[in-house]
């Protein structure tokens, strides 16, 4: 069933942006297929830049402005993004906005709630995980 044939999620029938939810899974699946087939060149550079820009803008709004952790990557077991895929994309996105790894290090932040003191032992949540080898 194509996205246009799917019924909208409950309460979203009249939402002018509801199509984003309906098409996201198709975009994700199609991108995986194009990469697997070695046909990523079929998507224009401009279309890819628009998709990434839109995704980053929405991610910022949902995570930062709503002050909550939002999953950024679909977890697919062995098919989840590799470190190389992620770092190549992040490196290019940083270059596109004239930033480098130093600025990333300065801006790198914990997720909401990770800076909260742990009332049981006076440490911050997440400290234990960072101190283990």
N, C-alpha and C. Protein backbone atom coordinates (compact mmCIF):
# COMPACT_ATOMS: atom_id res chain seq x y z
N UNK A 1 0.85 -1.18 0.00
CA UNK A 1 0.00 0.00 0.00
C UNK A 1 0.89 1.23 0.00
N UNK A 2 0.66 2.12 -0.91
CA UNK A 2 1.47 3.34 -0.98
C UNK A 2 1.01 4.33 0.09
N UNK A 3 1.90 5.29 0.46
CA UNK A 3 1.54 6.25 1.49
C UNK A 3 0.26 7.02 1.18
N UNK A 4 0.04 7.31 -0.09
CA UNK A 4 -1.16 8.09 -0.43
C UNK A 4 -2.43 7.27 -0.22
N UNK A 5 -2.30 5.92 -0.18
CA UNK A 5 -3.46 5.06 0.04
C UNK A 5 -3.66 4.77 1.53
N UNK A 6 -2.65 5.04 2.37
CA UNK A 6 -2.75 4.78 3.79
C UNK A 6 -3.64 5.82 4.44
N UNK A 7 -4.37 5.38 5.46
CA UNK A 7 -5.17 6.35 6.19
C UNK A 7 -4.26 7.11 7.14
N UNK A 8 -4.55 8.39 7.37
CA UNK A 8 -3.71 9.19 8.26
C UNK A 8 -3.82 8.70 9.69
N UNK A 9 -2.77 8.94 10.50
CA UNK A 9 -2.85 8.56 11.91
C UNK A 9 -4.03 9.25 12.57
N UNK A 10 -4.56 8.61 13.60
CA UNK A 10 -5.72 9.16 14.31
C UNK A 10 -5.45 10.59 14.74
N UNK A 11 -6.41 11.46 14.53
CA UNK A 11 -6.27 12.85 14.93
C UNK A 11 -5.44 13.69 13.98
N UNK A 12 -4.94 13.11 12.89
CA UNK A 12 -4.07 13.84 11.97
C UNK A 12 -4.70 14.00 10.58
N UNK A 13 -5.94 13.59 10.42
CA UNK A 13 -6.58 13.61 9.11
C UNK A 13 -6.57 14.98 8.46
N UNK A 14 -6.69 16.03 9.25
CA UNK A 14 -6.74 17.38 8.69
C UNK A 14 -5.44 18.14 8.89
N UNK A 15 -4.38 17.47 9.29
CA UNK A 15 -3.09 18.11 9.53
C UNK A 15 -2.36 18.26 8.19
N UNK A 16 -2.11 19.50 7.81
CA UNK A 16 -1.47 19.74 6.51
C UNK A 16 -0.05 19.18 6.43
N UNK A 17 0.56 18.84 7.58
CA UNK A 17 1.90 18.27 7.59
C UNK A 17 1.91 16.78 7.91
N UNK A 18 0.75 16.19 8.01
CA UNK A 18 0.64 14.76 8.29
C UNK A 18 1.31 13.89 7.23
N UNK A 19 1.44 14.39 6.03
CA UNK A 19 2.08 13.62 4.96
C UNK A 19 3.53 13.29 5.30
N UNK A 20 4.18 14.09 6.14
CA UNK A 20 5.58 13.82 6.49
C UNK A 20 5.68 12.47 7.19
N UNK A 21 4.80 12.23 8.17
CA UNK A 21 4.79 10.94 8.85
C UNK A 21 4.52 9.80 7.88
N UNK A 22 3.59 10.00 6.96
CA UNK A 22 3.22 8.94 6.02
C UNK A 22 4.36 8.61 5.06
N UNK A 23 5.14 9.59 4.65
CA UNK A 23 6.17 9.35 3.65
C UNK A 23 7.55 9.02 4.23
N UNK A 24 7.74 9.25 5.52
CA UNK A 24 9.06 9.02 6.12
C UNK A 24 9.54 7.58 5.95
N UNK A 25 8.68 6.62 6.21
CA UNK A 25 9.07 5.21 6.08
C UNK A 25 9.42 4.87 4.63
N UNK A 26 8.67 5.41 3.67
CA UNK A 26 8.97 5.16 2.26
C UNK A 26 10.32 5.77 1.87
N UNK A 27 10.59 6.98 2.35
CA UNK A 27 11.87 7.62 2.07
C UNK A 27 13.01 6.79 2.64
N UNK A 28 12.84 6.34 3.87
CA UNK A 28 13.87 5.53 4.53
C UNK A 28 14.12 4.24 3.75
N UNK A 29 13.05 3.53 3.40
CA UNK A 29 13.17 2.27 2.65
C UNK A 29 13.80 2.50 1.28
N UNK A 30 13.35 3.52 0.58
CA UNK A 30 13.87 3.79 -0.77
C UNK A 30 15.35 4.16 -0.73
N UNK A 31 15.75 4.95 0.27
CA UNK A 31 17.17 5.31 0.39
C UNK A 31 18.03 4.07 0.61
N UNK A 32 17.56 3.16 1.48
CA UNK A 32 18.31 1.91 1.71
C UNK A 32 18.43 1.11 0.42
N UNK A 33 17.34 1.02 -0.34
CA UNK A 33 17.36 0.27 -1.60
C UNK A 33 18.33 0.90 -2.60
N UNK A 34 18.30 2.22 -2.73
CA UNK A 34 19.21 2.89 -3.66
C UNK A 34 20.67 2.63 -3.30
N UNK A 35 20.99 2.69 -2.01
CA UNK A 35 22.37 2.45 -1.58
C UNK A 35 22.75 0.99 -1.84
N UNK A 36 21.87 0.07 -1.48
CA UNK A 36 22.14 -1.36 -1.69
C UNK A 36 22.39 -1.66 -3.17
N UNK A 37 21.63 -1.02 -4.05
CA UNK A 37 21.76 -1.24 -5.49
C UNK A 37 22.90 -0.43 -6.11
N UNK A 38 23.55 0.42 -5.31
CA UNK A 38 24.61 1.26 -5.84
C UNK A 38 24.08 2.37 -6.74
N UNK A 39 22.86 2.83 -6.48
CA UNK A 39 22.21 3.81 -7.33
C UNK A 39 21.88 5.12 -6.61
N UNK A 40 22.66 5.46 -5.60
CA UNK A 40 22.41 6.70 -4.86
C UNK A 40 22.49 7.93 -5.76
N UNK A 41 23.21 7.86 -6.85
CA UNK A 41 23.34 8.98 -7.77
C UNK A 41 22.00 9.37 -8.41
N UNK A 42 21.01 8.51 -8.30
CA UNK A 42 19.69 8.82 -8.87
C UNK A 42 18.99 9.94 -8.11
N UNK A 43 19.47 10.25 -6.89
CA UNK A 43 18.92 11.36 -6.11
C UNK A 43 19.84 12.55 -6.31
N UNK A 44 19.28 13.69 -6.65
CA UNK A 44 20.11 14.87 -6.92
C UNK A 44 20.75 15.38 -5.63
N UNK A 45 21.88 16.07 -5.79
CA UNK A 45 22.55 16.70 -4.64
C UNK A 45 21.61 17.68 -3.96
N UNK A 46 20.85 18.44 -4.73
CA UNK A 46 19.93 19.42 -4.17
C UNK A 46 18.84 18.76 -3.35
N UNK A 47 18.27 17.66 -3.85
CA UNK A 47 17.22 16.96 -3.11
C UNK A 47 17.78 16.41 -1.80
N UNK A 48 18.97 15.86 -1.85
CA UNK A 48 19.60 15.33 -0.64
C UNK A 48 19.84 16.44 0.38
N UNK A 49 20.35 17.58 -0.08
CA UNK A 49 20.59 18.71 0.82
C UNK A 49 19.29 19.21 1.45
N UNK A 50 18.21 19.22 0.67
CA UNK A 50 16.92 19.65 1.21
C UNK A 50 16.42 18.68 2.28
N UNK A 51 16.59 17.39 2.03
CA UNK A 51 16.15 16.37 2.99
C UNK A 51 16.95 16.50 4.29
N UNK A 52 18.27 16.61 4.18
CA UNK A 52 19.11 16.71 5.38
C UNK A 52 18.80 18.00 6.14
N UNK A 53 18.69 19.11 5.43
CA UNK A 53 18.40 20.38 6.09
C UNK A 53 17.06 20.32 6.82
N UNK A 54 16.06 19.77 6.18
CA UNK A 54 14.73 19.65 6.81
C UNK A 54 14.81 18.75 8.05
N UNK A 55 15.52 17.63 7.93
CA UNK A 55 15.63 16.70 9.06
C UNK A 55 16.36 17.33 10.23
N UNK A 56 17.46 18.04 9.96
CA UNK A 56 18.21 18.70 11.03
C UNK A 56 17.36 19.77 11.69
N UNK A 57 16.66 20.56 10.90
CA UNK A 57 15.81 21.62 11.44
C UNK A 57 14.72 21.04 12.35
N UNK A 58 14.05 19.98 11.89
CA UNK A 58 13.01 19.34 12.69
C UNK A 58 13.60 18.69 13.94
N UNK A 59 14.77 18.07 13.79
CA UNK A 59 15.41 17.43 14.95
C UNK A 59 15.73 18.46 16.02
N UNK A 60 16.30 19.57 15.61
CA UNK A 60 16.61 20.64 16.57
C UNK A 60 15.35 21.08 17.31
N UNK A 61 14.30 21.35 16.57
CA UNK A 61 13.07 21.83 17.19
C UNK A 61 12.50 20.82 18.17
N UNK A 62 12.49 19.56 17.79
CA UNK A 62 11.92 18.54 18.67
C UNK A 62 12.79 18.28 19.88
N UNK A 63 14.09 18.25 19.73
CA UNK A 63 14.95 17.91 20.87
C UNK A 63 15.28 19.11 21.74
N UNK A 64 15.71 20.19 21.14
CA UNK A 64 16.16 21.36 21.91
C UNK A 64 14.99 22.20 22.41
N UNK A 65 14.09 22.54 21.54
CA UNK A 65 13.00 23.42 21.93
C UNK A 65 11.97 22.71 22.81
N UNK A 66 11.83 21.39 22.64
CA UNK A 66 10.94 20.61 23.51
C UNK A 66 11.70 20.06 24.71
N UNK A 67 13.02 20.29 24.78
CA UNK A 67 13.88 19.87 25.88
C UNK A 67 13.69 18.40 26.22
N UNK A 68 13.91 17.56 25.21
CA UNK A 68 13.78 16.13 25.43
C UNK A 68 14.67 15.37 24.46
N UNK A 69 15.03 14.16 24.86
CA UNK A 69 15.83 13.31 23.99
C UNK A 69 14.92 12.72 22.91
N UNK A 70 15.35 12.85 21.67
CA UNK A 70 14.61 12.31 20.53
C UNK A 70 15.55 11.39 19.78
N UNK A 71 15.15 10.16 19.50
CA UNK A 71 16.04 9.27 18.74
C UNK A 71 16.38 9.91 17.39
N UNK A 72 17.67 9.96 17.08
CA UNK A 72 18.10 10.59 15.83
C UNK A 72 18.30 9.57 14.71
N UNK A 73 18.51 8.33 15.08
CA UNK A 73 18.82 7.29 14.10
C UNK A 73 17.89 6.10 14.30
N UNK A 74 17.36 5.56 13.21
CA UNK A 74 16.54 4.36 13.28
C UNK A 74 17.46 3.19 13.62
N UNK A 75 17.14 2.48 14.68
CA UNK A 75 17.93 1.32 15.09
C UNK A 75 17.44 0.10 14.32
N UNK A 76 18.34 -0.46 13.50
CA UNK A 76 17.95 -1.57 12.62
C UNK A 76 18.86 -2.77 12.80
N UNK A 77 19.38 -2.97 13.99
CA UNK A 77 20.29 -4.10 14.20
C UNK A 77 21.53 -3.92 13.37
N UNK A 78 21.86 -4.93 12.58
CA UNK A 78 23.07 -4.90 11.76
C UNK A 78 22.99 -3.85 10.65
N UNK A 79 21.80 -3.35 10.35
CA UNK A 79 21.65 -2.39 9.27
C UNK A 79 21.59 -0.94 9.74
N UNK A 80 21.81 -0.71 11.04
CA UNK A 80 21.87 0.66 11.55
C UNK A 80 23.06 1.34 10.89
N UNK A 81 23.04 2.65 10.80
CA UNK A 81 24.15 3.38 10.20
C UNK A 81 25.48 2.96 10.81
N UNK A 82 26.50 2.86 9.98
CA UNK A 82 27.84 2.56 10.50
C UNK A 82 28.48 3.86 11.00
N UNK A 83 29.53 3.70 11.79
CA UNK A 83 30.27 4.87 12.28
C UNK A 83 30.81 5.67 11.09
N UNK A 84 31.29 4.98 10.07
CA UNK A 84 31.83 5.66 8.89
C UNK A 84 30.74 6.47 8.19
N UNK A 85 29.57 5.88 7.97
CA UNK A 85 28.48 6.61 7.34
C UNK A 85 28.14 7.87 8.13
N UNK A 86 28.02 7.70 9.44
CA UNK A 86 27.64 8.83 10.29
C UNK A 86 28.70 9.92 10.28
N UNK A 87 29.96 9.54 10.45
CA UNK A 87 31.02 10.54 10.55
C UNK A 87 31.28 11.26 9.23
N UNK A 88 31.13 10.58 8.11
CA UNK A 88 31.26 11.25 6.82
C UNK A 88 30.17 12.31 6.68
N UNK A 89 28.93 11.94 7.01
CA UNK A 89 27.82 12.89 6.90
C UNK A 89 27.98 14.06 7.86
N UNK A 90 28.31 13.77 9.11
CA UNK A 90 28.47 14.83 10.11
C UNK A 90 29.62 15.76 9.71
N UNK A 91 30.73 15.20 9.24
CA UNK A 91 31.87 16.02 8.82
C UNK A 91 31.48 16.99 7.72
N UNK A 92 30.74 16.51 6.74
CA UNK A 92 30.33 17.38 5.64
C UNK A 92 29.31 18.42 6.09
N UNK A 93 28.41 18.03 6.99
CA UNK A 93 27.44 19.01 7.49
C UNK A 93 28.16 20.11 8.28
N UNK A 94 29.15 19.74 9.07
CA UNK A 94 29.93 20.75 9.81
C UNK A 94 30.64 21.68 8.84
N UNK A 95 31.26 21.12 7.80
CA UNK A 95 31.95 21.96 6.81
C UNK A 95 30.99 22.94 6.14
N UNK A 96 29.78 22.44 5.83
CA UNK A 96 28.80 23.28 5.14
C UNK A 96 28.39 24.51 5.94
N UNK A 97 28.54 24.45 7.26
CA UNK A 97 28.20 25.61 8.10
C UNK A 97 29.46 26.21 8.73
N UNK A 98 30.61 25.96 8.10
CA UNK A 98 31.91 26.50 8.49
C UNK A 98 32.26 26.20 9.96
N UNK A 99 32.02 24.96 10.38
CA UNK A 99 32.40 24.50 11.71
C UNK A 99 33.35 23.32 11.58
N UNK A 100 34.08 23.05 12.64
CA UNK A 100 35.00 21.93 12.66
C UNK A 100 34.83 21.10 13.92
N UNK A 101 35.71 20.13 14.10
CA UNK A 101 35.59 19.24 15.25
C UNK A 101 35.73 19.97 16.59
N UNK A 102 36.50 21.05 16.63
CA UNK A 102 36.65 21.80 17.88
C UNK A 102 35.31 22.40 18.31
N UNK A 103 34.60 23.00 17.36
CA UNK A 103 33.29 23.56 17.69
C UNK A 103 32.31 22.46 18.10
N UNK A 104 32.39 21.33 17.43
CA UNK A 104 31.53 20.21 17.80
C UNK A 104 31.82 19.79 19.25
N UNK A 105 33.09 19.72 19.60
CA UNK A 105 33.45 19.38 20.96
C UNK A 105 32.93 20.38 21.97
N UNK A 106 32.95 21.65 21.62
CA UNK A 106 32.45 22.69 22.51
C UNK A 106 30.93 22.63 22.67
N UNK A 107 30.24 22.26 21.59
CA UNK A 107 28.78 22.23 21.60
C UNK A 107 28.22 20.89 22.03
N UNK A 108 29.05 19.85 22.02
CA UNK A 108 28.56 18.52 22.36
C UNK A 108 27.87 18.58 23.71
N UNK A 109 26.68 18.05 23.79
CA UNK A 109 25.91 18.17 25.02
C UNK A 109 25.35 16.82 25.44
N UNK A 110 25.05 16.75 26.70
CA UNK A 110 24.36 15.58 27.20
C UNK A 110 22.89 15.72 26.86
N UNK A 111 22.20 14.61 26.85
CA UNK A 111 20.77 14.62 26.61
C UNK A 111 20.06 15.22 27.81
N UNK A 112 18.86 15.75 27.61
CA UNK A 112 18.10 16.28 28.75
C UNK A 112 18.01 15.25 29.86
N UNK A 113 18.25 15.69 31.07
CA UNK A 113 18.19 14.81 32.23
C UNK A 113 19.52 14.18 32.60
N UNK A 114 20.49 14.17 31.70
CA UNK A 114 21.78 13.55 31.99
C UNK A 114 22.64 14.41 32.91
N UNK A 115 22.35 15.67 33.05
CA UNK A 115 23.11 16.55 33.94
C UNK A 115 22.51 16.62 35.33
N UNK A 116 21.39 15.95 35.53
CA UNK A 116 20.70 16.01 36.82
C UNK A 116 21.50 15.27 37.88
N UNK A 117 21.67 15.86 39.07
CA UNK A 117 22.37 15.16 40.14
C UNK A 117 21.59 13.92 40.56
N UNK A 118 22.32 12.84 40.83
CA UNK A 118 21.72 11.62 41.33
C UNK A 118 21.61 11.76 42.83
N UNK A 119 20.39 11.86 43.34
CA UNK A 119 20.18 12.13 44.76
C UNK A 119 20.71 11.00 45.65
N UNK A 120 20.92 9.82 45.11
CA UNK A 120 21.39 8.71 45.93
C UNK A 120 22.85 8.85 46.31
N UNK A 121 23.68 9.38 45.40
CA UNK A 121 25.11 9.42 45.71
C UNK A 121 25.78 10.76 45.40
N UNK A 122 25.00 11.77 45.02
CA UNK A 122 25.56 13.10 44.79
C UNK A 122 26.28 13.27 43.47
N UNK A 123 26.31 12.23 42.63
CA UNK A 123 26.95 12.35 41.33
C UNK A 123 25.91 12.75 40.30
N UNK A 124 26.36 13.04 39.09
CA UNK A 124 25.44 13.35 37.99
C UNK A 124 25.13 12.06 37.26
N UNK A 125 23.90 11.94 36.80
CA UNK A 125 23.55 10.75 36.04
C UNK A 125 24.44 10.65 34.83
N UNK A 126 24.87 9.46 34.51
CA UNK A 126 25.79 9.24 33.39
C UNK A 126 27.24 9.26 33.78
N UNK A 127 27.59 9.77 34.99
CA UNK A 127 28.99 9.82 35.40
C UNK A 127 29.61 8.44 35.47
N UNK A 128 28.86 7.49 35.99
CA UNK A 128 29.40 6.13 36.14
C UNK A 128 29.77 5.52 34.81
N UNK A 129 28.96 5.75 33.82
CA UNK A 129 29.24 5.17 32.50
C UNK A 129 30.50 5.76 31.89
N UNK A 130 30.75 7.05 32.14
CA UNK A 130 31.94 7.69 31.55
C UNK A 130 33.21 7.30 32.29
N UNK A 131 33.10 6.91 33.59
CA UNK A 131 34.31 6.65 34.35
C UNK A 131 34.81 5.22 34.18
N UNK A 132 34.00 4.35 33.60
CA UNK A 132 34.42 2.96 33.40
C UNK A 132 35.30 2.86 32.17
N UNK A 133 36.30 1.98 32.20
CA UNK A 133 37.18 1.83 31.02
C UNK A 133 36.47 1.21 29.86
